[in-house]
């Protein structure tokens, strides 16, 4: 990832940031992105995708960051305005003195565009685990283990096997369970139900763990931000067979709600893998789902 150092005489001078600049009057975000990157770095942007939108309040100003991931470019990066540049592996960004507004970008970069929620409670453990492995073999990198019908001892046994499968595939496993089970099982984090989210007063696990939460409205999203969680899942976006009586948000309302959050948000409800681009165009990190991602 490429970062640049702000010049000493400007706001937050000396801090590091992801390159970019202001959208000028009459410009689209895409036009501004290409112009700013060329003016600042001498790079011609050939392909980019939306990543996250962030509203950040500094003591003296408020900024809206419309962040895109540049995936194809030509040229050699140089600091055309006298700024220093660094190419850093993603894992090293967390230790870099980045602007506070840029911190959520690191989280978004570390998350995939698909979040698998496991299917029906595993009455047949062998079939359940074979379906999980099939999903992992298709490239799933983030999994929520959801098996509410299992008693805690059975759930923990299943979670240990699922965690091993995820580790072998380079994927991360979150438990839809009490946060205290995570450390005993050895998972990568926890997924909070909306009720658990509402009951909490502080982030339940340390920064070494990944924490997501189920959200359905602006109150849930605000609580997820206050607790400094890593991401949220907002649902239902579209009608679903599993919750036929739930009123879907639709893409426009989903987009409006996501704009109130300063953390990555997955779209859930009626999602299929070919909807990733549409979800991202409406502010999502990507899609979350059961039927659309749970492999036969």
C-alpha atoms as a PDB file:
ATOM      1  CA  UNK A   1       0.000   0.000   0.000  1.00  0.00           C
ATOM      2  CA  UNK A   2       1.250   3.482  -0.864  1.00  0.00           C
ATOM      3  CA  UNK A   3       1.161   6.222   1.772  1.00  0.00           C
ATOM      4  CA  UNK A   4       2.513   9.774   1.713  1.00  0.00           C
ATOM      5  CA  UNK A   5       3.652  12.238   4.384  1.00  0.00           C
ATOM      6  CA  UNK A   6       1.843  15.540   4.730  1.00  0.00           C
ATOM      7  CA  UNK A   7       4.018  18.639   4.402  1.00  0.00           C
ATOM      8  CA  UNK A   8       4.819  20.374   7.683  1.00  0.00           C
ATOM      9  CA  UNK A   9       2.970  23.635   6.905  1.00  0.00           C
ATOM     10  CA  UNK A  10      -0.451  22.048   6.180  1.00  0.00           C
ATOM     11  CA  UNK A  11      -3.189  20.767   8.530  1.00  0.00           C
ATOM     12  CA  UNK A  12      -1.902  17.717  10.480  1.00  0.00           C
ATOM     13  CA  UNK A  13       1.552  18.305   8.960  1.00  0.00           C
ATOM     14  CA  UNK A  14       4.114  15.517   9.332  1.00  0.00           C
ATOM     15  CA  UNK A  15       1.476  12.789   9.633  1.00  0.00           C
ATOM     16  CA  UNK A  16       1.192  10.027   7.052  1.00  0.00           C
ATOM     17  CA  UNK A  17      -1.924   9.448   4.938  1.00  0.00           C
ATOM     18  CA  UNK A  18      -3.336   7.641   1.946  1.00  0.00           C
ATOM     19  CA  UNK A  19      -2.829   9.923  -1.079  1.00  0.00           C
ATOM     20  CA  UNK A  20      -5.728  11.956  -2.422  1.00  0.00           C
ATOM     21  CA  UNK A  21      -7.257  15.404  -2.369  1.00  0.00           C
ATOM     22  CA  UNK A  22     -10.351  17.533  -2.665  1.00  0.00           C
ATOM     23  CA  UNK A  23     -13.100  17.062  -5.215  1.00  0.00           C
ATOM     24  CA  UNK A  24     -13.384  20.265  -7.236  1.00  0.00           C
ATOM     25  CA  UNK A  25     -16.692  21.831  -8.236  1.00  0.00           C
ATOM     26  CA  UNK A  26     -18.215  20.010 -11.205  1.00  0.00           C
ATOM     27  CA  UNK A  27     -16.017  16.906 -10.773  1.00  0.00           C
ATOM     28  CA  UNK A  28     -17.159  13.372 -10.078  1.00  0.00           C
ATOM     29  CA  UNK A  29     -15.321  11.350  -7.433  1.00  0.00           C
ATOM     30  CA  UNK A  30     -13.745   9.212 -10.181  1.00  0.00           C
ATOM     31  CA  UNK A  31     -12.498  12.298 -12.052  1.00  0.00           C
ATOM     32  CA  UNK A  32     -11.085  13.815  -8.865  1.00  0.00           C
ATOM     33  CA  UNK A  33      -9.375  10.550  -7.946  1.00  0.00           C
ATOM     34  CA  UNK A  34      -7.600  10.292 -11.294  1.00  0.00           C
ATOM     35  CA  UNK A  35      -6.607  13.971 -11.344  1.00  0.00           C
ATOM     36  CA  UNK A  36      -5.320  14.055  -7.754  1.00  0.00           C
ATOM     37  CA  UNK A  37      -3.322  10.840  -8.040  1.00  0.00           C
ATOM     38  CA  UNK A  38      -1.703  12.054 -11.254  1.00  0.00           C
ATOM     39  CA  UNK A  39      -0.949  15.524  -9.855  1.00  0.00           C
ATOM     40  CA  UNK A  40       0.423  14.216  -6.551  1.00  0.00           C
ATOM     41  CA  UNK A  41       2.152  11.018  -7.646  1.00  0.00           C
ATOM     42  CA  UNK A  42       2.496  10.982 -11.448  1.00  0.00           C
ATOM     43  CA  UNK A  43       0.418   7.794 -11.682  1.00  0.00           C
ATOM     44  CA  UNK A  44      -2.345   7.199 -14.224  1.00  0.00           C
ATOM     45  CA  UNK A  45      -5.243   5.359 -12.569  1.00  0.00           C
ATOM     46  CA  UNK A  46      -6.675   2.677 -14.879  1.00  0.00           C
ATOM     47  CA  UNK A  47      -9.023   0.789 -12.514  1.00  0.00           C
ATOM     48  CA  UNK A  48     -10.434   1.421  -9.043  1.00  0.00           C
ATOM     49  CA  UNK A  49     -13.248   0.205  -6.792  1.00  0.00           C
ATOM     50  CA  UNK A  50     -15.067   1.894  -3.866  1.00  0.00           C
ATOM     51  CA  UNK A  51     -13.758   0.823  -0.448  1.00  0.00           C
ATOM     52  CA  UNK A  52     -15.305   2.933   2.330  1.00  0.00           C
ATOM     53  CA  UNK A  53     -16.741   6.397   3.046  1.00  0.00           C
ATOM     54  CA  UNK A  54     -15.660   8.048   6.300  1.00  0.00           C
ATOM     55  CA  UNK A  55     -16.911  11.171   8.051  1.00  0.00           C
ATOM     56  CA  UNK A  56     -14.321  12.303  10.614  1.00  0.00           C
ATOM     57  CA  UNK A  57     -14.571  15.243  13.013  1.00  0.00           C
ATOM     58  CA  UNK A  58     -11.302  17.025  13.824  1.00  0.00           C
ATOM     59  CA  UNK A  59     -11.426  19.796  16.471  1.00  0.00           C
ATOM     60  CA  UNK A  60     -11.351  22.490  13.777  1.00  0.00           C
ATOM     61  CA  UNK A  61     -13.001  20.815  10.769  1.00  0.00           C
ATOM     62  CA  UNK A  62     -14.999  17.862   9.474  1.00  0.00           C
ATOM     63  CA  UNK A  63     -13.868  15.787   6.493  1.00  0.00           C
ATOM     64  CA  UNK A  64     -15.643  13.269   4.286  1.00  0.00           C
ATOM     65  CA  UNK A  65     -13.296  10.699   2.773  1.00  0.00           C
ATOM     66  CA  UNK A  66     -14.598   8.832  -0.259  1.00  0.00           C
ATOM     67  CA  UNK A  67     -11.995   6.058  -0.357  1.00  0.00           C
ATOM     68  CA  UNK A  68     -11.274   3.911  -3.408  1.00  0.00           C
ATOM     69  CA  UNK A  69      -8.867   1.025  -3.873  1.00  0.00           C
ATOM     70  CA  UNK A  70      -6.710   1.591  -6.961  1.00  0.00           C
ATOM     71  CA  UNK A  71      -6.136  -1.817  -8.536  1.00  0.00           C
ATOM     72  CA  UNK A  72      -4.501  -0.945 -11.882  1.00  0.00           C
ATOM     73  CA  UNK A  73      -2.240   2.013 -12.667  1.00  0.00           C
ATOM     74  CA  UNK A  74       0.712   2.981 -14.856  1.00  0.00           C
ATOM     75  CA  UNK A  75       3.770   5.074 -14.051  1.00  0.00           C
ATOM     76  CA  UNK A  76       6.258   5.278 -11.201  1.00  0.00           C
ATOM     77  CA  UNK A  77       5.183   6.914  -7.938  1.00  0.00           C
ATOM     78  CA  UNK A  78       7.007  10.105  -7.030  1.00  0.00           C
ATOM     79  CA  UNK A  79       6.236  12.890  -4.556  1.00  0.00           C
ATOM     80  CA  UNK A  80       5.488  15.652  -7.040  1.00  0.00           C
ATOM     81  CA  UNK A  81       4.653  18.147  -4.277  1.00  0.00           C
ATOM     82  CA  UNK A  82       7.809  17.428  -2.274  1.00  0.00           C
ATOM     83  CA  UNK A  83       6.129  14.841  -0.002  1.00  0.00           C
ATOM     84  CA  UNK A  84       7.824  11.633   1.123  1.00  0.00           C
ATOM     85  CA  UNK A  85       6.326   8.305  -0.015  1.00  0.00           C
ATOM     86  CA  UNK A  86       6.392   4.755   1.353  1.00  0.00           C
ATOM     87  CA  UNK A  87       5.216   1.411  -0.013  1.00  0.00           C
ATOM     88  CA  UNK A  88       4.312  -0.715   3.016  1.00  0.00           C
ATOM     89  CA  UNK A  89       2.940  -4.247   3.424  1.00  0.00           C
ATOM     90  CA  UNK A  90      -0.625  -4.119   4.708  1.00  0.00           C
ATOM     91  CA  UNK A  91       0.369  -5.644   8.042  1.00  0.00           C
ATOM     92  CA  UNK A  92       2.767  -2.763   8.808  1.00  0.00           C
ATOM     93  CA  UNK A  93       0.256   0.055   8.334  1.00  0.00           C
ATOM     94  CA  UNK A  94      -1.176  -0.355  11.832  1.00  0.00           C
ATOM     95  CA  UNK A  95       2.134   0.815  13.369  1.00  0.00           C
ATOM     96  CA  UNK A  96       2.467   3.842  11.088  1.00  0.00           C
ATOM     97  CA  UNK A  97       1.535   7.364  12.378  1.00  0.00           C
ATOM     98  CA  UNK A  98      -1.433   7.775  10.021  1.00  0.00           C
ATOM     99  CA  UNK A  99      -4.039  10.529  10.204  1.00  0.00           C
ATOM    100  CA  UNK A 100      -6.829   9.562  12.638  1.00  0.00           C
ATOM    101  CA  UNK A 101      -9.381   9.818   9.824  1.00  0.00           C
ATOM    102  CA  UNK A 102      -7.456   7.201   7.833  1.00  0.00           C
ATOM    103  CA  UNK A 103      -7.490   4.487  10.505  1.00  0.00           C
ATOM    104  CA  UNK A 104     -10.778   2.840   9.401  1.00  0.00           C
ATOM    105  CA  UNK A 105      -9.246   2.425   5.939  1.00  0.00           C
ATOM    106  CA  UNK A 106      -6.748  -0.080   7.363  1.00  0.00           C
ATOM    107  CA  UNK A 107      -9.602  -2.166   8.770  1.00  0.00           C
ATOM    108  CA  UNK A 108     -11.419  -2.091   5.433  1.00  0.00           C
ATOM    109  CA  UNK A 109      -8.264  -3.123   3.565  1.00  0.00           C
ATOM    110  CA  UNK A 110      -7.865  -6.080   5.924  1.00  0.00           C
ATOM    111  CA  UNK A 111     -11.394  -7.378   5.314  1.00  0.00           C
ATOM    112  CA  UNK A 112     -12.490  -9.437   2.276  1.00  0.00           C
ATOM    113  CA  UNK A 113     -15.493  -8.590   0.094  1.00  0.00           C
ATOM    114  CA  UNK A 114     -17.419 -11.738   1.153  1.00  0.00           C
ATOM    115  CA  UNK A 115     -18.449 -12.783   4.665  1.00  0.00           C
ATOM    116  CA  UNK A 116     -19.851 -16.316   4.925  1.00  0.00           C
ATOM    117  CA  UNK A 117     -22.440 -17.117   7.587  1.00  0.00           C
ATOM    118  CA  UNK A 118     -22.693 -20.870   8.014  1.00  0.00           C
ATOM    119  CA  UNK A 119     -26.014 -22.534   7.144  1.00  0.00           C
ATOM    120  CA  UNK A 120     -28.550 -24.541   9.084  1.00  0.00           C
ATOM    121  CA  UNK A 121     -27.508 -25.936  12.452  1.00  0.00           C
ATOM    122  CA  UNK A 122     -25.248 -28.954  11.876  1.00  0.00           C
ATOM    123  CA  UNK A 123     -27.328 -32.025  12.670  1.00  0.00           C
ATOM    124  CA  UNK A 124     -24.919 -33.886  10.418  1.00  0.00           C
ATOM    125  CA  UNK A 125     -21.491 -32.614  11.495  1.00  0.00           C
ATOM    126  CA  UNK A 126     -19.633 -34.360   8.662  1.00  0.00           C
ATOM    127  CA  UNK A 127     -21.854 -32.798   5.992  1.00  0.00           C
ATOM    128  CA  UNK A 128     -21.664 -29.409   7.711  1.00  0.00           C
ATOM    129  CA  UNK A 129     -17.859 -29.444   7.766  1.00  0.00           C
ATOM    130  CA  UNK A 130     -17.619 -30.691   4.171  1.00  0.00           C
ATOM    131  CA  UNK A 131     -19.784 -27.753   3.064  1.00  0.00           C
ATOM    132  CA  UNK A 132     -17.570 -25.377   5.035  1.00  0.00           C
ATOM    133  CA  UNK A 133     -14.490 -26.833   3.354  1.00  0.00           C
ATOM    134  CA  UNK A 134     -16.132 -26.479  -0.077  1.00  0.00           C
ATOM    135  CA  UNK A 135     -16.823 -22.802   0.657  1.00  0.00           C
ATOM    136  CA  UNK A 136     -13.239 -22.272   1.825  1.00  0.00           C
ATOM    137  CA  UNK A 137     -11.926 -23.995  -1.306  1.00  0.00           C
ATOM    138  CA  UNK A 138     -13.919 -21.458  -3.362  1.00  0.00           C
ATOM    139  CA  UNK A 139     -11.977 -18.622  -1.754  1.00  0.00           C
ATOM    140  CA  UNK A 140     -14.009 -17.555   1.296  1.00  0.00           C
ATOM    141  CA  UNK A 141     -11.678 -15.808   3.761  1.00  0.00           C
ATOM    142  CA  UNK A 142     -14.019 -14.737   6.571  1.00  0.00           C
ATOM    143  CA  UNK A 143     -16.510 -17.088   8.250  1.00  0.00           C
ATOM    144  CA  UNK A 144     -19.113 -16.662  10.975  1.00  0.00           C
ATOM    145  CA  UNK A 145     -19.885 -19.940  12.740  1.00  0.00           C
ATOM    146  CA  UNK A 146     -23.584 -19.790  13.560  1.00  0.00           C
ATOM    147  CA  UNK A 147     -25.113 -22.853  15.241  1.00  0.00           C
ATOM    148  CA  UNK A 148     -27.606 -21.614  17.810  1.00  0.00           C
ATOM    149  CA  UNK A 149     -29.282 -24.984  18.404  1.00  0.00           C
ATOM    150  CA  UNK A 150     -26.077 -26.520  19.757  1.00  0.00           C
ATOM    151  CA  UNK A 151     -25.315 -26.556  23.466  1.00  0.00           C
ATOM    152  CA  UNK A 152     -22.068 -24.734  24.389  1.00  0.00           C
ATOM    153  CA  UNK A 153     -19.954 -27.934  24.738  1.00  0.00           C
ATOM    154  CA  UNK A 154     -21.052 -29.193  21.299  1.00  0.00           C
ATOM    155  CA  UNK A 155     -20.598 -25.743  19.791  1.00  0.00           C
ATOM    156  CA  UNK A 156     -17.038 -25.531  21.140  1.00  0.00           C
ATOM    157  CA  UNK A 157     -16.127 -28.939  19.706  1.00  0.00           C
ATOM    158  CA  UNK A 158     -17.472 -27.945  16.300  1.00  0.00           C
ATOM    159  CA  UNK A 159     -15.750 -24.556  16.497  1.00  0.00           C
ATOM    160  CA  UNK A 160     -12.343 -26.134  17.120  1.00  0.00           C
ATOM    161  CA  UNK A 161     -12.631 -28.273  13.989  1.00  0.00           C
ATOM    162  CA  UNK A 162     -14.004 -25.363  11.943  1.00  0.00           C
ATOM    163  CA  UNK A 163     -11.152 -23.148  13.161  1.00  0.00           C
ATOM    164  CA  UNK A 164      -8.597 -25.729  12.025  1.00  0.00           C
ATOM    165  CA  UNK A 165     -10.191 -25.856   8.545  1.00  0.00           C
ATOM    166  CA  UNK A 166     -10.194 -22.071   8.319  1.00  0.00           C
ATOM    167  CA  UNK A 167      -6.559 -21.858   9.400  1.00  0.00           C
ATOM    168  CA  UNK A 168      -5.542 -24.356   6.724  1.00  0.00           C
ATOM    169  CA  UNK A 169      -7.260 -22.187   4.087  1.00  0.00           C
ATOM    170  CA  UNK A 170      -5.896 -18.861   5.336  1.00  0.00           C
ATOM    171  CA  UNK A 171      -9.386 -17.783   6.471  1.00  0.00           C
ATOM    172  CA  UNK A 172     -10.543 -16.224   9.733  1.00  0.00           C
ATOM    173  CA  UNK A 173     -13.309 -17.666  11.917  1.00  0.00           C
ATOM    174  CA  UNK A 174     -15.665 -15.613  14.090  1.00  0.00           C
ATOM    175  CA  UNK A 175     -18.017 -17.225  16.590  1.00  0.00           C
ATOM    176  CA  UNK A 176     -21.647 -16.192  16.863  1.00  0.00           C
ATOM    177  CA  UNK A 177     -21.541 -16.917  20.583  1.00  0.00           C
ATOM    178  CA  UNK A 178     -20.629 -15.418  23.921  1.00  0.00           C
ATOM    179  CA  UNK A 179     -17.322 -13.496  23.575  1.00  0.00           C
ATOM    180  CA  UNK A 180     -15.719 -15.467  26.395  1.00  0.00           C
ATOM    181  CA  UNK A 181     -15.874 -18.644  24.290  1.00  0.00           C
ATOM    182  CA  UNK A 182     -13.511 -17.168  21.710  1.00  0.00           C
ATOM    183  CA  UNK A 183     -10.356 -17.439  23.795  1.00  0.00           C
ATOM    184  CA  UNK A 184     -11.110 -20.966  24.979  1.00  0.00           C
ATOM    185  CA  UNK A 185     -11.833 -22.204  21.445  1.00  0.00           C
ATOM    186  CA  UNK A 186      -8.998 -20.300  19.788  1.00  0.00           C
ATOM    187  CA  UNK A 187     -11.033 -18.452  17.153  1.00  0.00           C
ATOM    188  CA  UNK A 188     -10.144 -15.155  15.453  1.00  0.00           C
ATOM    189  CA  UNK A 189     -12.984 -13.158  16.989  1.00  0.00           C
ATOM    190  CA  UNK A 190     -16.676 -12.870  17.675  1.00  0.00           C
ATOM    191  CA  UNK A 191     -19.823 -11.816  15.856  1.00  0.00           C
ATOM    192  CA  UNK A 192     -22.301 -10.042  18.128  1.00  0.00           C
ATOM    193  CA  UNK A 193     -26.034 -10.362  17.712  1.00  0.00           C
ATOM    194  CA  UNK A 194     -27.959  -7.081  17.813  1.00  0.00           C
ATOM    195  CA  UNK A 195     -29.102  -7.963  21.352  1.00  0.00           C
ATOM    196  CA  UNK A 196     -25.547  -8.619  22.576  1.00  0.00           C
ATOM    197  CA  UNK A 197     -24.485  -5.373  20.918  1.00  0.00           C
ATOM    198  CA  UNK A 198     -27.211  -3.431  22.744  1.00  0.00           C
ATOM    199  CA  UNK A 199     -26.273  -4.964  26.125  1.00  0.00           C
ATOM    200  CA  UNK A 200     -22.547  -4.204  25.943  1.00  0.00           C
ATOM    201  CA  UNK A 201     -20.917  -1.153  27.528  1.00  0.00           C
ATOM    202  CA  UNK A 202     -17.426  -1.672  26.074  1.00  0.00           C
ATOM    203  CA  UNK A 203     -15.587  -3.627  23.389  1.00  0.00           C
ATOM    204  CA  UNK A 204     -15.617  -7.221  24.691  1.00  0.00           C
ATOM    205  CA  UNK A 205     -12.237  -8.402  23.348  1.00  0.00           C
ATOM    206  CA  UNK A 206      -8.837  -6.862  22.684  1.00  0.00           C
ATOM    207  CA  UNK A 207      -7.519  -5.472  19.406  1.00  0.00           C
ATOM    208  CA  UNK A 208      -5.945  -8.813  18.534  1.00  0.00           C
ATOM    209  CA  UNK A 209      -9.448 -10.143  17.874  1.00  0.00           C
ATOM    210  CA  UNK A 210     -11.848  -9.237  15.080  1.00  0.00           C
ATOM    211  CA  UNK A 211     -15.320  -8.143  16.198  1.00  0.00           C
ATOM    212  CA  UNK A 212     -18.381  -7.698  14.003  1.00  0.00           C
ATOM    213  CA  UNK A 213     -22.010  -7.039  14.867  1.00  0.00           C
ATOM    214  CA  UNK A 214     -25.474  -7.502  13.382  1.00  0.00           C
ATOM    215  CA  UNK A 215     -27.171  -4.135  12.814  1.00  0.00           C
ATOM    216  CA  UNK A 216     -30.612  -3.186  11.532  1.00  0.00           C
ATOM    217  CA  UNK A 217     -30.814   0.578  12.002  1.00  0.00           C
ATOM    218  CA  UNK A 218     -28.853   3.746  12.760  1.00  0.00           C
ATOM    219  CA  UNK A 219     -28.979   3.070  16.531  1.00  0.00           C
ATOM    220  CA  UNK A 220     -27.226  -0.282  16.088  1.00  0.00           C
ATOM    221  CA  UNK A 221     -24.598   1.221  13.769  1.00  0.00           C
ATOM    222  CA  UNK A 222     -23.938   4.088  16.185  1.00  0.00           C
ATOM    223  CA  UNK A 223     -23.440   1.611  19.043  1.00  0.00           C
ATOM    224  CA  UNK A 224     -21.017  -0.454  16.923  1.00  0.00           C
ATOM    225  CA  UNK A 225     -18.974   2.689  16.265  1.00  0.00           C
ATOM    226  CA  UNK A 226     -19.049   3.734  19.940  1.00  0.00           C
ATOM    227  CA  UNK A 227     -17.733   0.317  20.998  1.00  0.00           C
ATOM    228  CA  UNK A 228     -14.966   0.618  18.372  1.00  0.00           C
ATOM    229  CA  UNK A 229     -15.939  -2.626  16.668  1.00  0.00           C
ATOM    230  CA  UNK A 230     -14.172  -3.653  13.477  1.00  0.00           C
ATOM    231  CA  UNK A 231     -17.170  -3.975  11.168  1.00  0.00           C
ATOM    232  CA  UNK A 232     -20.941  -4.315  11.003  1.00  0.00           C
ATOM    233  CA  UNK A 233     -23.455  -6.332   9.002  1.00  0.00           C
ATOM    234  CA  UNK A 234     -26.563  -4.363   8.016  1.00  0.00           C
ATOM    235  CA  UNK A 235     -29.767  -6.208   7.079  1.00  0.00           C
ATOM    236  CA  UNK A 236     -32.069  -6.988   5.462  1.00  0.00           C
ATOM    237  CA  UNK A 237     -31.173  -5.151   2.263  1.00  0.00           C
ATOM    238  CA  UNK A 238     -33.451  -7.223   0.001  1.00  0.00           C
ATOM    239  CA  UNK A 239     -36.347  -9.613   0.748  1.00  0.00           C
ATOM    240  CA  UNK A 240     -35.249 -12.986   2.153  1.00  0.00           C
ATOM    241  CA  UNK A 241     -36.929 -16.354   2.530  1.00  0.00           C
ATOM    242  CA  UNK A 242     -35.488 -16.750   6.035  1.00  0.00           C
ATOM    243  CA  UNK A 243     -37.140 -13.512   7.297  1.00  0.00           C
ATOM    244  CA  UNK A 244     -40.236 -13.055   5.091  1.00  0.00           C
ATOM    245  CA  UNK A 245     -41.896 -10.556   7.453  1.00  0.00           C
ATOM    246  CA  UNK A 246     -38.897  -8.227   7.762  1.00  0.00           C
ATOM    247  CA  UNK A 247     -39.204  -4.956   5.852  1.00  0.00           C
ATOM    248  CA  UNK A 248     -36.190  -4.734   3.486  1.00  0.00           C
ATOM    249  CA  UNK A 249     -34.104  -1.574   3.531  1.00  0.00           C
ATOM    250  CA  UNK A 250     -33.495  -1.393  -0.203  1.00  0.00           C
ATOM    251  CA  UNK A 251     -30.224  -0.122  -1.645  1.00  0.00           C
ATOM    252  CA  UNK A 252     -30.930   3.588  -1.188  1.00  0.00           C
ATOM    253  CA  UNK A 253     -31.697   3.360   2.527  1.00  0.00           C
ATOM    254  CA  UNK A 254     -28.786   0.955   2.991  1.00  0.00           C
ATOM    255  CA  UNK A 255     -26.497   3.553   1.394  1.00  0.00           C
ATOM    256  CA  UNK A 256     -27.866   6.329   3.612  1.00  0.00           C
ATOM    257  CA  UNK A 257     -27.352   4.273   6.782  1.00  0.00           C
ATOM    258  CA  UNK A 258     -23.830   3.231   5.815  1.00  0.00           C
ATOM    259  CA  UNK A 259     -22.932   6.906   5.358  1.00  0.00           C
ATOM    260  CA  UNK A 260     -23.655   7.440   9.067  1.00  0.00           C
ATOM    261  CA  UNK A 261     -21.057   4.835  10.080  1.00  0.00           C
ATOM    262  CA  UNK A 262     -17.280   5.113  10.172  1.00  0.00           C
ATOM    263  CA  UNK A 263     -16.569   1.394  10.000  1.00  0.00           C
ATOM    264  CA  UNK A 264     -16.826  -1.189   7.196  1.00  0.00           C
ATOM    265  CA  UNK A 265     -20.376  -2.489   6.668  1.00  0.00           C
ATOM    266  CA  UNK A 266     -21.422  -5.675   4.862  1.00  0.00           C
ATOM    267  CA  UNK A 267     -24.775  -5.917   3.067  1.00  0.00           C
ATOM    268  CA  UNK A 268     -26.894  -8.884   4.184  1.00  0.00           C
ATOM    269  CA  UNK A 269     -30.258 -10.153   2.987  1.00  0.00           C
ATOM    270  CA  UNK A 270     -30.914 -11.580  -0.458  1.00  0.00           C
ATOM    271  CA  UNK A 271     -27.249 -11.305  -1.438  1.00  0.00           C
ATOM    272  CA  UNK A 272     -25.591 -13.335  -4.196  1.00  0.00           C
ATOM    273  CA  UNK A 273     -21.912 -13.342  -5.135  1.00  0.00           C
ATOM    274  CA  UNK A 274     -22.531 -11.364  -8.337  1.00  0.00           C
ATOM    275  CA  UNK A 275     -23.895  -8.481  -6.216  1.00  0.00           C
ATOM    276  CA  UNK A 276     -20.504  -7.547  -4.696  1.00  0.00           C
ATOM    277  CA  UNK A 277     -19.964  -4.680  -7.144  1.00  0.00           C
ATOM    278  CA  UNK A 278     -23.451  -3.283  -6.585  1.00  0.00           C
ATOM    279  CA  UNK A 279     -23.047  -3.523  -2.810  1.00  0.00           C
ATOM    280  CA  UNK A 280     -19.718  -1.686  -2.945  1.00  0.00           C
ATOM    281  CA  UNK A 281     -21.222   0.981  -5.197  1.00  0.00           C
ATOM    282  CA  UNK A 282     -23.729   1.605  -2.383  1.00  0.00           C
ATOM    283  CA  UNK A 283     -21.047   1.972   0.292  1.00  0.00           C
ATOM    284  CA  UNK A 284     -20.657  -1.623   1.455  1.00  0.00           C
ATOM    285  CA  UNK A 285     -17.439  -3.448   2.239  1.00  0.00           C
ATOM    286  CA  UNK A 286     -19.008  -6.334   0.331  1.00  0.00           C
ATOM    287  CA  UNK A 287     -21.710  -8.918   0.914  1.00  0.00           C
ATOM    288  CA  UNK A 288     -22.551 -11.293   3.751  1.00  0.00           C
ATOM    289  CA  UNK A 289     -24.754 -14.281   3.299  1.00  0.00           C
ATOM    290  CA  UNK A 290     -25.697 -17.871   3.936  1.00  0.00           C
ATOM    291  CA  UNK A 291     -27.418 -19.319   0.867  1.00  0.00           C
ATOM    292  CA  UNK A 292     -25.454 -17.169  -1.584  1.00  0.00           C
ATOM    293  CA  UNK A 293     -22.072 -18.369  -0.247  1.00  0.00           C
ATOM    294  CA  UNK A 294     -22.690 -21.691   1.573  1.00  0.00           C
ATOM    295  CA  UNK A 295     -21.485 -24.292  -0.921  1.00  0.00           C
ATOM    296  CA  UNK A 296     -23.151 -27.628  -1.627  1.00  0.00           C
END
